[in-house]
Structures are given as structure tokens and as C-alpha cells.
PDB file of N, CA and C in Angstrom:
ATOM      1  N   MET A   1      -2.454  30.391  -2.278  1.00  0.00           N
ATOM      2  CA  MET A   1      -1.761  29.173  -2.639  1.00  0.00           C
ATOM      3  C   MET A   1      -1.131  29.340  -4.020  1.00  0.00           C
ATOM      4  N   LEU A   2       0.020  28.711  -4.193  1.00  0.00           N
ATOM      5  CA  LEU A   2       0.740  28.782  -5.452  1.00  0.00           C
ATOM      6  C   LEU A   2       1.190  27.381  -5.847  1.00  0.00           C
ATOM      7  N   ARG A   3       0.924  27.022  -7.085  1.00  0.00           N
ATOM      8  CA  ARG A   3       1.453  25.765  -7.635  1.00  0.00           C
ATOM      9  C   ARG A   3       2.668  26.118  -8.475  1.00  0.00           C
ATOM     10  N   ILE A   4       3.784  25.453  -8.197  1.00  0.00           N
ATOM     11  CA  ILE A   4       5.023  25.665  -8.936  1.00  0.00           C
ATOM     12  C   ILE A   4       5.361  24.368  -9.646  1.00  0.00           C
ATOM     13  N   THR A   5       5.446  24.430 -10.963  1.00  0.00           N
ATOM     14  CA  THR A   5       5.824  23.262 -11.755  1.00  0.00           C
ATOM     15  C   THR A   5       7.096  23.598 -12.505  1.00  0.00           C
ATOM     16  N   MET A   6       8.115  22.775 -12.334  1.00  0.00           N
ATOM     17  CA  MET A   6       9.379  22.949 -13.057  1.00  0.00           C
ATOM     18  C   MET A   6       9.465  21.853 -14.104  1.00  0.00           C
ATOM     19  N   LYS A   7       9.615  22.256 -15.350  1.00  0.00           N
ATOM     20  CA  LYS A   7       9.781  21.289 -16.441  1.00  0.00           C
ATOM     21  C   LYS A   7      11.157  21.513 -17.047  1.00  0.00           C
ATOM     22  N   GLU A   8      12.012  20.515 -16.899  1.00  0.00           N
ATOM     23  CA  GLU A   8      13.367  20.617 -17.424  1.00  0.00           C
ATOM     24  C   GLU A   8      13.572  19.612 -18.550  1.00  0.00           C
ATOM     25  N   THR A   9      14.122  20.106 -19.641  1.00  0.00           N
ATOM     26  CA  THR A   9      14.531  19.241 -20.742  1.00  0.00           C
ATOM     27  C   THR A   9      16.022  19.516 -20.959  1.00  0.00           C
ATOM     28  N   PRO A  10      16.675  18.728 -21.788  1.00  0.00           N
ATOM     29  CA  PRO A  10      18.087  19.020 -22.065  1.00  0.00           C
ATOM     30  C   PRO A  10      18.287  20.404 -22.694  1.00  0.00           C
ATOM     31  N   GLU A  11      17.229  20.953 -23.332  1.00  0.00           N
ATOM     32  CA  GLU A  11      17.350  22.233 -24.022  1.00  0.00           C
ATOM     33  C   GLU A  11      16.816  23.431 -23.233  1.00  0.00           C
ATOM     34  N   THR A  12      15.806  23.253 -22.380  1.00  0.00           N
ATOM     35  CA  THR A  12      15.146  24.381 -21.730  1.00  0.00           C
ATOM     36  C   THR A  12      14.756  24.074 -20.289  1.00  0.00           C
ATOM     37  N   VAL A  13      14.444  25.153 -19.569  1.00  0.00           N
ATOM     38  CA  VAL A  13      13.856  25.057 -18.228  1.00  0.00           C
ATOM     39  C   VAL A  13      12.610  25.932 -18.240  1.00  0.00           C
ATOM     40  N   ALA A  14      11.469  25.347 -17.897  1.00  0.00           N
ATOM     41  CA  ALA A  14      10.211  26.092 -17.831  1.00  0.00           C
ATOM     42  C   ALA A  14       9.692  26.060 -16.399  1.00  0.00           C
ATOM     43  N   ILE A  15       9.332  27.224 -15.902  1.00  0.00           N
ATOM     44  CA  ILE A  15       8.722  27.349 -14.580  1.00  0.00           C
ATOM     45  C   ILE A  15       7.291  27.805 -14.817  1.00  0.00           C
ATOM     46  N   ILE A  16       6.343  27.001 -14.368  1.00  0.00           N
ATOM     47  CA  ILE A  16       4.925  27.318 -14.554  1.00  0.00           C
ATOM     48  C   ILE A  16       4.341  27.642 -13.189  1.00  0.00           C
ATOM     49  N   LEU A  17       3.778  28.841 -13.067  1.00  0.00           N
ATOM     50  CA  LEU A  17       3.209  29.297 -11.799  1.00  0.00           C
ATOM     51  C   LEU A  17       1.700  29.438 -11.935  1.00  0.00           C
ATOM     52  N   GLU A  18       0.982  28.985 -10.898  1.00  0.00           N
ATOM     53  CA  GLU A  18      -0.479  29.076 -10.891  1.00  0.00           C
ATOM     54  C   GLU A  18      -0.933  29.495  -9.503  1.00  0.00           C
ATOM     55  N   GLY A  19      -1.660  30.620  -9.427  1.00  0.00           N
ATOM     56  CA  GLY A  19      -2.196  31.072  -8.148  1.00  0.00           C
ATOM     57  C   GLY A  19      -1.585  32.380  -7.687  1.00  0.00           C
ATOM     58  N   ARG A  20      -1.510  32.531  -6.351  1.00  0.00           N
ATOM     59  CA  ARG A  20      -1.049  33.772  -5.730  1.00  0.00           C
ATOM     60  C   ARG A  20       0.426  33.674  -5.343  1.00  0.00           C
ATOM     61  N   LEU A  21       1.220  34.572  -5.875  1.00  0.00           N
ATOM     62  CA  LEU A  21       2.652  34.620  -5.586  1.00  0.00           C
ATOM     63  C   LEU A  21       2.866  35.664  -4.494  1.00  0.00           C
ATOM     64  N   ALA A  22       2.648  35.248  -3.255  1.00  0.00           N
ATOM     65  CA  ALA A  22       2.699  36.192  -2.138  1.00  0.00           C
ATOM     66  C   ALA A  22       3.087  35.454  -0.855  1.00  0.00           C
ATOM     67  N   GLY A  23       3.683  36.219   0.060  1.00  0.00           N
ATOM     68  CA  GLY A  23       4.006  35.684   1.380  1.00  0.00           C
ATOM     69  C   GLY A  23       4.884  34.455   1.324  1.00  0.00           C
ATOM     70  N   GLU A  24       4.451  33.426   2.026  1.00  0.00           N
ATOM     71  CA  GLU A  24       5.239  32.190   2.102  1.00  0.00           C
ATOM     72  C   GLU A  24       5.424  31.533   0.734  1.00  0.00           C
ATOM     73  N   TRP A  25       4.508  31.807  -0.197  1.00  0.00           N
ATOM     74  CA  TRP A  25       4.626  31.210  -1.535  1.00  0.00           C
ATOM     75  C   TRP A  25       5.738  31.867  -2.333  1.00  0.00           C
ATOM     76  N   ALA A  26       5.994  33.142  -2.105  1.00  0.00           N
ATOM     77  CA  ALA A  26       7.144  33.800  -2.730  1.00  0.00           C
ATOM     78  C   ALA A  26       8.434  33.176  -2.202  1.00  0.00           C
ATOM     79  N   SER A  27       8.465  32.898  -0.914  1.00  0.00           N
ATOM     80  CA  SER A  27       9.634  32.239  -0.308  1.00  0.00           C
ATOM     81  C   SER A  27       9.826  30.842  -0.881  1.00  0.00           C
ATOM     82  N   GLU A  28       8.721  30.152  -1.127  1.00  0.00           N
ATOM     83  CA  GLU A  28       8.807  28.797  -1.697  1.00  0.00           C
ATOM     84  C   GLU A  28       9.335  28.845  -3.129  1.00  0.00           C
ATOM     85  N   LEU A  29       8.894  29.833  -3.917  1.00  0.00           N
ATOM     86  CA  LEU A  29       9.426  29.980  -5.272  1.00  0.00           C
ATOM     87  C   LEU A  29      10.920  30.276  -5.205  1.00  0.00           C
ATOM     88  N   LYS A  30      11.330  31.142  -4.292  1.00  0.00           N
ATOM     89  CA  LYS A  30      12.751  31.463  -4.129  1.00  0.00           C
ATOM     90  C   LYS A  30      13.549  30.190  -3.820  1.00  0.00           C
ATOM     91  N   ARG A  31      13.039  29.369  -2.909  1.00  0.00           N
ATOM     92  CA  ARG A  31      13.709  28.116  -2.550  1.00  0.00           C
ATOM     93  C   ARG A  31      13.801  27.182  -3.751  1.00  0.00           C
ATOM     94  N   ALA A  32      12.688  27.031  -4.482  1.00  0.00           N
ATOM     95  CA  ALA A  32      12.661  26.145  -5.649  1.00  0.00           C
ATOM     96  C   ALA A  32      13.610  26.666  -6.729  1.00  0.00           C
ATOM     97  N   TRP A  33      13.640  27.986  -6.917  1.00  0.00           N
ATOM     98  CA  TRP A  33      14.524  28.565  -7.924  1.00  0.00           C
ATOM     99  C   TRP A  33      15.990  28.373  -7.536  1.00  0.00           C
ATOM    100  N   THR A  34      16.325  28.602  -6.280  1.00  0.00           N
ATOM    101  CA  THR A  34      17.703  28.447  -5.818  1.00  0.00           C
ATOM    102  C   THR A  34      18.185  27.027  -6.080  1.00  0.00           C
ATOM    103  N   GLU A  35      17.313  26.071  -5.841  1.00  0.00           N
ATOM    104  CA  GLU A  35      17.634  24.662  -6.091  1.00  0.00           C
ATOM    105  C   GLU A  35      17.811  24.393  -7.593  1.00  0.00           C
ATOM    106  N   ALA A  36      16.924  24.923  -8.400  1.00  0.00           N
ATOM    107  CA  ALA A  36      16.953  24.673  -9.847  1.00  0.00           C
ATOM    108  C   ALA A  36      18.060  25.456 -10.550  1.00  0.00           C
ATOM    109  N   ALA A  37      18.401  26.638 -10.041  1.00  0.00           N
ATOM    110  CA  ALA A  37      19.383  27.510 -10.706  1.00  0.00           C
ATOM    111  C   ALA A  37      20.721  26.812 -10.899  1.00  0.00           C
ATOM    112  N   GLU A  38      21.066  25.933  -9.981  1.00  0.00           N
ATOM    113  CA  GLU A  38      22.334  25.207 -10.078  1.00  0.00           C
ATOM    114  C   GLU A  38      22.375  24.304 -11.307  1.00  0.00           C
ATOM    115  N   ARG A  39      21.214  23.909 -11.810  1.00  0.00           N
ATOM    116  CA  ARG A  39      21.138  22.983 -12.939  1.00  0.00           C
ATOM    117  C   ARG A  39      20.854  23.660 -14.272  1.00  0.00           C
ATOM    118  N   VAL A  40      20.608  24.957 -14.273  1.00  0.00           N
ATOM    119  CA  VAL A  40      20.201  25.654 -15.496  1.00  0.00           C
ATOM    120  C   VAL A  40      21.321  25.706 -16.527  1.00  0.00           C
ATOM    121  N   ASN A  41      22.533  26.026 -16.090  1.00  0.00           N
ATOM    122  CA  ASN A  41      23.666  26.234 -17.001  1.00  0.00           C
ATOM    123  C   ASN A  41      23.293  27.290 -18.029  1.00  0.00           C
ATOM    124  N   ALA A  42      23.458  27.017 -19.299  1.00  0.00           N
ATOM    125  CA  ALA A  42      23.171  28.016 -20.336  1.00  0.00           C
ATOM    126  C   ALA A  42      21.812  27.810 -20.994  1.00  0.00           C
ATOM    127  N   ARG A  43      20.993  26.923 -20.447  1.00  0.00           N
ATOM    128  CA  ARG A  43      19.683  26.658 -21.065  1.00  0.00           C
ATOM    129  C   ARG A  43      18.756  27.867 -20.929  1.00  0.00           C
ATOM    130  N   PRO A  44      17.960  28.129 -21.951  1.00  0.00           N
ATOM    131  CA  PRO A  44      16.959  29.200 -21.850  1.00  0.00           C
ATOM    132  C   PRO A  44      15.925  28.860 -20.771  1.00  0.00           C
ATOM    133  N   VAL A  45      15.487  29.889 -20.062  1.00  0.00           N
ATOM    134  CA  VAL A  45      14.489  29.733 -18.998  1.00  0.00           C
ATOM    135  C   VAL A  45      13.248  30.517 -19.389  1.00  0.00           C
ATOM    136  N   SER A  46      12.081  29.926 -19.127  1.00  0.00           N
ATOM    137  CA  SER A  46      10.822  30.654 -19.293  1.00  0.00           C
ATOM    138  C   SER A  46      10.033  30.544 -18.000  1.00  0.00           C
ATOM    139  N   VAL A  47       9.299  31.601 -17.697  1.00  0.00           N
ATOM    140  CA  VAL A  47       8.425  31.619 -16.522  1.00  0.00           C
ATOM    141  C   VAL A  47       7.021  31.919 -17.029  1.00  0.00           C
ATOM    142  N   ASP A  48       6.135  30.943 -16.905  1.00  0.00           N
ATOM    143  CA  ASP A  48       4.754  31.069 -17.372  1.00  0.00           C
ATOM    144  C   ASP A  48       3.918  31.689 -16.257  1.00  0.00           C
ATOM    145  N   LEU A  49       3.484  32.919 -16.460  1.00  0.00           N
ATOM    146  CA  LEU A  49       2.703  33.658 -15.463  1.00  0.00           C
ATOM    147  C   LEU A  49       1.219  33.712 -15.805  1.00  0.00           C
ATOM    148  N   ARG A  50       0.803  33.016 -16.851  1.00  0.00           N
ATOM    149  CA  ARG A  50      -0.577  33.147 -17.344  1.00  0.00           C
ATOM    150  C   ARG A  50      -1.637  32.820 -16.302  1.00  0.00           C
ATOM    151  N   SER A  51      -1.308  31.969 -15.323  1.00  0.00           N
ATOM    152  CA  SER A  51      -2.297  31.594 -14.307  1.00  0.00           C
ATOM    153  C   SER A  51      -2.007  32.212 -12.945  1.00  0.00           C
ATOM    154  N   VAL A  52      -1.125  33.206 -12.903  1.00  0.00           N
ATOM    155  CA  VAL A  52      -0.874  33.920 -11.648  1.00  0.00           C
ATOM    156  C   VAL A  52      -1.986  34.944 -11.450  1.00  0.00           C
ATOM    157  N   THR A  53      -2.556  34.967 -10.246  1.00  0.00           N
ATOM    158  CA  THR A  53      -3.675  35.868  -9.976  1.00  0.00           C
ATOM    159  C   THR A  53      -3.284  37.070  -9.126  1.00  0.00           C
ATOM    160  N   TYR A  54      -2.108  37.019  -8.487  1.00  0.00           N
ATOM    161  CA  TYR A  54      -1.664  38.113  -7.632  1.00  0.00           C
ATOM    162  C   TYR A  54      -0.186  37.923  -7.335  1.00  0.00           C
ATOM    163  N   ALA A  55       0.548  39.015  -7.184  1.00  0.00           N
ATOM    164  CA  ALA A  55       1.949  38.962  -6.753  1.00  0.00           C
ATOM    165  C   ALA A  55       2.213  40.136  -5.825  1.00  0.00           C
ATOM    166  N   ASP A  56       2.723  39.844  -4.617  1.00  0.00           N
ATOM    167  CA  ASP A  56       3.106  40.926  -3.714  1.00  0.00           C
ATOM    168  C   ASP A  56       4.527  41.369  -4.049  1.00  0.00           C
ATOM    169  N   GLU A  57       5.048  42.325  -3.294  1.00  0.00           N
ATOM    170  CA  GLU A  57       6.383  42.867  -3.599  1.00  0.00           C
ATOM    171  C   GLU A  57       7.471  41.793  -3.530  1.00  0.00           C
ATOM    172  N   GLU A  58       7.381  40.885  -2.576  1.00  0.00           N
ATOM    173  CA  GLU A  58       8.375  39.810  -2.476  1.00  0.00           C
ATOM    174  C   GLU A  58       8.289  38.881  -3.682  1.00  0.00           C
ATOM    175  N   GLY A  59       7.081  38.564  -4.119  1.00  0.00           N
ATOM    176  CA  GLY A  59       6.909  37.736  -5.309  1.00  0.00           C
ATOM    177  C   GLY A  59       7.497  38.395  -6.542  1.00  0.00           C
ATOM    178  N   LYS A  60       7.266  39.702  -6.692  1.00  0.00           N
ATOM    179  CA  LYS A  60       7.830  40.445  -7.823  1.00  0.00           C
ATOM    180  C   LYS A  60       9.354  40.452  -7.749  1.00  0.00           C
ATOM    181  N   ARG A  61       9.893  40.577  -6.533  1.00  0.00           N
ATOM    182  CA  ARG A  61      11.345  40.593  -6.360  1.00  0.00           C
ATOM    183  C   ARG A  61      11.956  39.276  -6.805  1.00  0.00           C
ATOM    184  N   VAL A  62      11.317  38.153  -6.454  1.00  0.00           N
ATOM    185  CA  VAL A  62      11.827  36.839  -6.855  1.00  0.00           C
ATOM    186  C   VAL A  62      11.763  36.691  -8.375  1.00  0.00           C
ATOM    187  N   LEU A  63      10.663  37.108  -8.991  1.00  0.00           N
ATOM    188  CA  LEU A  63      10.557  37.045 -10.451  1.00  0.00           C
ATOM    189  C   LEU A  63      11.621  37.909 -11.116  1.00  0.00           C
ATOM    190  N   ARG A  64      11.849  39.105 -10.566  1.00  0.00           N
ATOM    191  CA  ARG A  64      12.868  40.005 -11.116  1.00  0.00           C
ATOM    192  C   ARG A  64      14.247  39.354 -11.012  1.00  0.00           C
ATOM    193  N   GLU A  65      14.514  38.704  -9.902  1.00  0.00           N
ATOM    194  CA  GLU A  65      15.798  38.020  -9.703  1.00  0.00           C
ATOM    195  C   GLU A  65      15.996  36.919 -10.748  1.00  0.00           C
ATOM    196  N   ILE A  66      14.966  36.119 -10.981  1.00  0.00           N
ATOM    197  CA  ILE A  66      15.055  35.047 -11.978  1.00  0.00           C
ATOM    198  C   ILE A  66      15.304  35.647 -13.362  1.00  0.00           C
ATOM    199  N   GLU A  67      14.557  36.698 -13.685  1.00  0.00           N
ATOM    200  CA  GLU A  67      14.694  37.333 -14.997  1.00  0.00           C
ATOM    201  C   GLU A  67      16.089  37.936 -15.166  1.00  0.00           C
ATOM    202  N   GLU A  68      16.598  38.601 -14.142  1.00  0.00           N
ATOM    203  CA  GLU A  68      17.918  39.232 -14.234  1.00  0.00           C
ATOM    204  C   GLU A  68      19.044  38.206 -14.327  1.00  0.00           C
ATOM    205  N   GLN A  69      18.915  37.088 -13.606  1.00  0.00           N
ATOM    206  CA  GLN A  69      19.964  36.067 -13.616  1.00  0.00           C
ATOM    207  C   GLN A  69      20.026  35.290 -14.917  1.00  0.00           C
ATOM    208  N   THR A  70      18.881  35.117 -15.576  1.00  0.00           N
ATOM    209  CA  THR A  70      18.830  34.208 -16.717  1.00  0.00           C
ATOM    210  C   THR A  70      18.356  34.843 -18.014  1.00  0.00           C
ATOM    211  N   GLY A  71      17.781  36.042 -17.945  1.00  0.00           N
ATOM    212  CA  GLY A  71      17.145  36.615 -19.128  1.00  0.00           C
ATOM    213  C   GLY A  71      15.881  35.852 -19.485  1.00  0.00           C
ATOM    214  N   ALA A  72      15.247  35.257 -18.484  1.00  0.00           N
ATOM    215  CA  ALA A  72      14.071  34.408 -18.686  1.00  0.00           C
ATOM    216  C   ALA A  72      12.986  35.122 -19.482  1.00  0.00           C
ATOM    217  N   ALA A  73      12.308  34.356 -20.324  1.00  0.00           N
ATOM    218  CA  ALA A  73      11.119  34.848 -21.013  1.00  0.00           C
ATOM    219  C   ALA A  73       9.964  34.770 -20.017  1.00  0.00           C
ATOM    220  N   LEU A  74       9.322  35.889 -19.759  1.00  0.00           N
ATOM    221  CA  LEU A  74       8.175  35.932 -18.849  1.00  0.00           C
ATOM    222  C   LEU A  74       6.921  35.894 -19.714  1.00  0.00           C
ATOM    223  N   ILE A  75       6.152  34.821 -19.596  1.00  0.00           N
ATOM    224  CA  ILE A  75       4.996  34.591 -20.464  1.00  0.00           C
ATOM    225  C   ILE A  75       3.729  35.110 -19.787  1.00  0.00           C
ATOM    226  N   ALA A  76       3.058  36.023 -20.449  1.00  0.00           N
ATOM    227  CA  ALA A  76       1.838  36.629 -19.910  1.00  0.00           C
ATOM    228  C   ALA A  76       0.846  36.839 -21.039  1.00  0.00           C
ATOM    229  N   THR A  77      -0.446  36.618 -20.747  1.00  0.00           N
ATOM    230  CA  THR A  77      -1.466  36.814 -21.773  1.00  0.00           C
ATOM    231  C   THR A  77      -2.605  37.720 -21.323  1.00  0.00           C
ATOM    232  N   THR A  78      -2.818  37.867 -20.036  1.00  0.00           N
ATOM    233  CA  THR A  78      -3.909  38.722 -19.555  1.00  0.00           C
ATOM    234  C   THR A  78      -3.397  40.139 -19.348  1.00  0.00           C
ATOM    235  N   PRO A  79      -4.278  41.116 -19.339  1.00  0.00           N
ATOM    236  CA  PRO A  79      -3.822  42.487 -19.082  1.00  0.00           C
ATOM    237  C   PRO A  79      -3.051  42.598 -17.759  1.00  0.00           C
ATOM    238  N   TRP A  80      -3.529  41.925 -16.705  1.00  0.00           N
ATOM    239  CA  TRP A  80      -2.844  42.020 -15.418  1.00  0.00           C
ATOM    240  C   TRP A  80      -1.469  41.378 -15.468  1.00  0.00           C
ATOM    241  N   THR A  81      -1.332  40.194 -16.059  1.00  0.00           N
ATOM    242  CA  THR A  81      -0.015  39.556 -16.096  1.00  0.00           C
ATOM    243  C   THR A  81       0.931  40.325 -17.020  1.00  0.00           C
ATOM    244  N   LYS A  82       0.406  40.941 -18.075  1.00  0.00           N
ATOM    245  CA  LYS A  82       1.254  41.777 -18.931  1.00  0.00           C
ATOM    246  C   LYS A  82       1.757  42.992 -18.157  1.00  0.00           C
ATOM    247  N   HIS A  83       0.898  43.574 -17.343  1.00  0.00           N
ATOM    248  CA  HIS A  83       1.301  44.691 -16.492  1.00  0.00           C
ATOM    249  C   HIS A  83       2.367  44.228 -15.492  1.00  0.00           C
ATOM    250  N   LEU A  84       2.186  43.047 -14.919  1.00  0.00           N
ATOM    251  CA  LEU A  84       3.156  42.484 -13.989  1.00  0.00           C
ATOM    252  C   LEU A  84       4.520  42.333 -14.653  1.00  0.00           C
ATOM    253  N   VAL A  85       4.542  41.790 -15.850  1.00  0.00           N
ATOM    254  CA  VAL A  85       5.804  41.622 -16.579  1.00  0.00           C
ATOM    255  C   VAL A  85       6.446  42.979 -16.841  1.00  0.00           C
ATOM    256  N   ALA A  86       5.662  43.955 -17.254  1.00  0.00           N
ATOM    257  CA  ALA A  86       6.196  45.293 -17.509  1.00  0.00           C
ATOM    258  C   ALA A  86       6.797  45.879 -16.229  1.00  0.00           C
ATOM    259  N   GLU A  87       6.126  45.664 -15.110  1.00  0.00           N
ATOM    260  CA  GLU A  87       6.628  46.165 -13.826  1.00  0.00           C
ATOM    261  C   GLU A  87       7.937  45.475 -13.451  1.00  0.00           C
ATOM    262  N   ILE A  88       8.004  44.185 -13.633  1.00  0.00           N
ATOM    263  CA  ILE A  88       9.212  43.424 -13.302  1.00  0.00           C
ATOM    264  C   ILE A  88      10.384  43.853 -14.174  1.00  0.00           C
ATOM    265  N   CYS A  89      10.104  44.081 -15.448  1.00  0.00           N
ATOM    266  CA  CYS A  89      11.168  44.429 -16.398  1.00  0.00           C
ATOM    267  C   CYS A  89      11.459  45.926 -16.418  1.00  0.00           C
ATOM    268  N   GLY A  90      10.720  46.708 -15.625  1.00  0.00           N
ATOM    269  CA  GLY A  90      10.974  48.139 -15.533  1.00  0.00           C
ATOM    270  C   GLY A  90      10.503  48.927 -16.732  1.00  0.00           C
ATOM    271  N   LYS A  91       9.475  48.436 -17.416  1.00  0.00           N
ATOM    272  CA  LYS A  91       8.951  49.139 -18.587  1.00  0.00           C
ATOM    273  C   LYS A  91       7.744  49.961 -18.192  1.00  0.00           C
ATOM    274  N   ASN A  92       7.564  51.090 -18.841  1.00  0.00           N
ATOM    275  CA  ASN A  92       6.418  51.956 -18.615  1.00  0.00           C
ATOM    276  C   ASN A  92       5.245  51.427 -19.428  1.00  0.00           C
ATOM    277  N   THR A  93       4.158  51.021 -18.752  1.00  0.00           N
ATOM    278  CA  THR A  93       2.998  50.460 -19.458  1.00  0.00           C
ATOM    279  C   THR A  93       2.132  51.535 -20.091  1.00  0.00           C
ATOM    280  N   ASN A  94       2.440  52.813 -19.869  1.00  0.00           N
ATOM    281  CA  ASN A  94       1.645  53.901 -20.431  1.00  0.00           C
ATOM    282  C   ASN A  94       2.206  54.428 -21.733  1.00  0.00           C
ATOM    283  N   GLU A  95       3.217  53.791 -22.276  1.00  0.00           N
ATOM    284  CA  GLU A  95       3.821  54.259 -23.518  1.00  0.00           C
ATOM    285  C   GLU A  95       2.993  53.864 -24.714  1.00  0.00           C
TER     286      GLU A  95
END
């Protein structure tokens, strides 16, 4: 299960994810993002991944798409979510 919270202000768009980003939940994030993307304009976007516990390849693909389209800040604090962000952004975590 995945909880998706979108917080929009005149200045920013924040996407807060909690749970497992996999299967049908990756599709749901894609749907929610497609709907929200029309309203983003030039506002900075952040994606809070601190409470994500798992992401399959489709979930990573959706996050990568959001990051590539907007330059979104991907927020991570745990070793696993930091690794996830590095994987999405194409960075080598062994450096």
C-alpha cells in the first residue's frame, strides 16, 4: 500500500510518499503525477521518500520521470532511501 499526499502552495509542489511504491501503486503515482503536472508550471517540486519502504522497477521509473521533468528534490534520510535516490539519479553509491 502507498499513501500519496500532494501539497500545493503558490510557491511549491510537495509529493509525500509513504509505504510501498510497487505494482498498482506505481501506476497510481503515475496517474496522480500526470494530473498534477499540468498545474506545476515553474514551481519547484519535492518528493519526500523518507517513509517509502520499497520501490519496484516501475516505481523507480515513475520517480525518475518526475525528477527528469521537473528537477524535483528527492528527500531521503535513511540509508535505503538515499540509495534509492542515488539509483534514480544515476549516481554511483560506492564513490
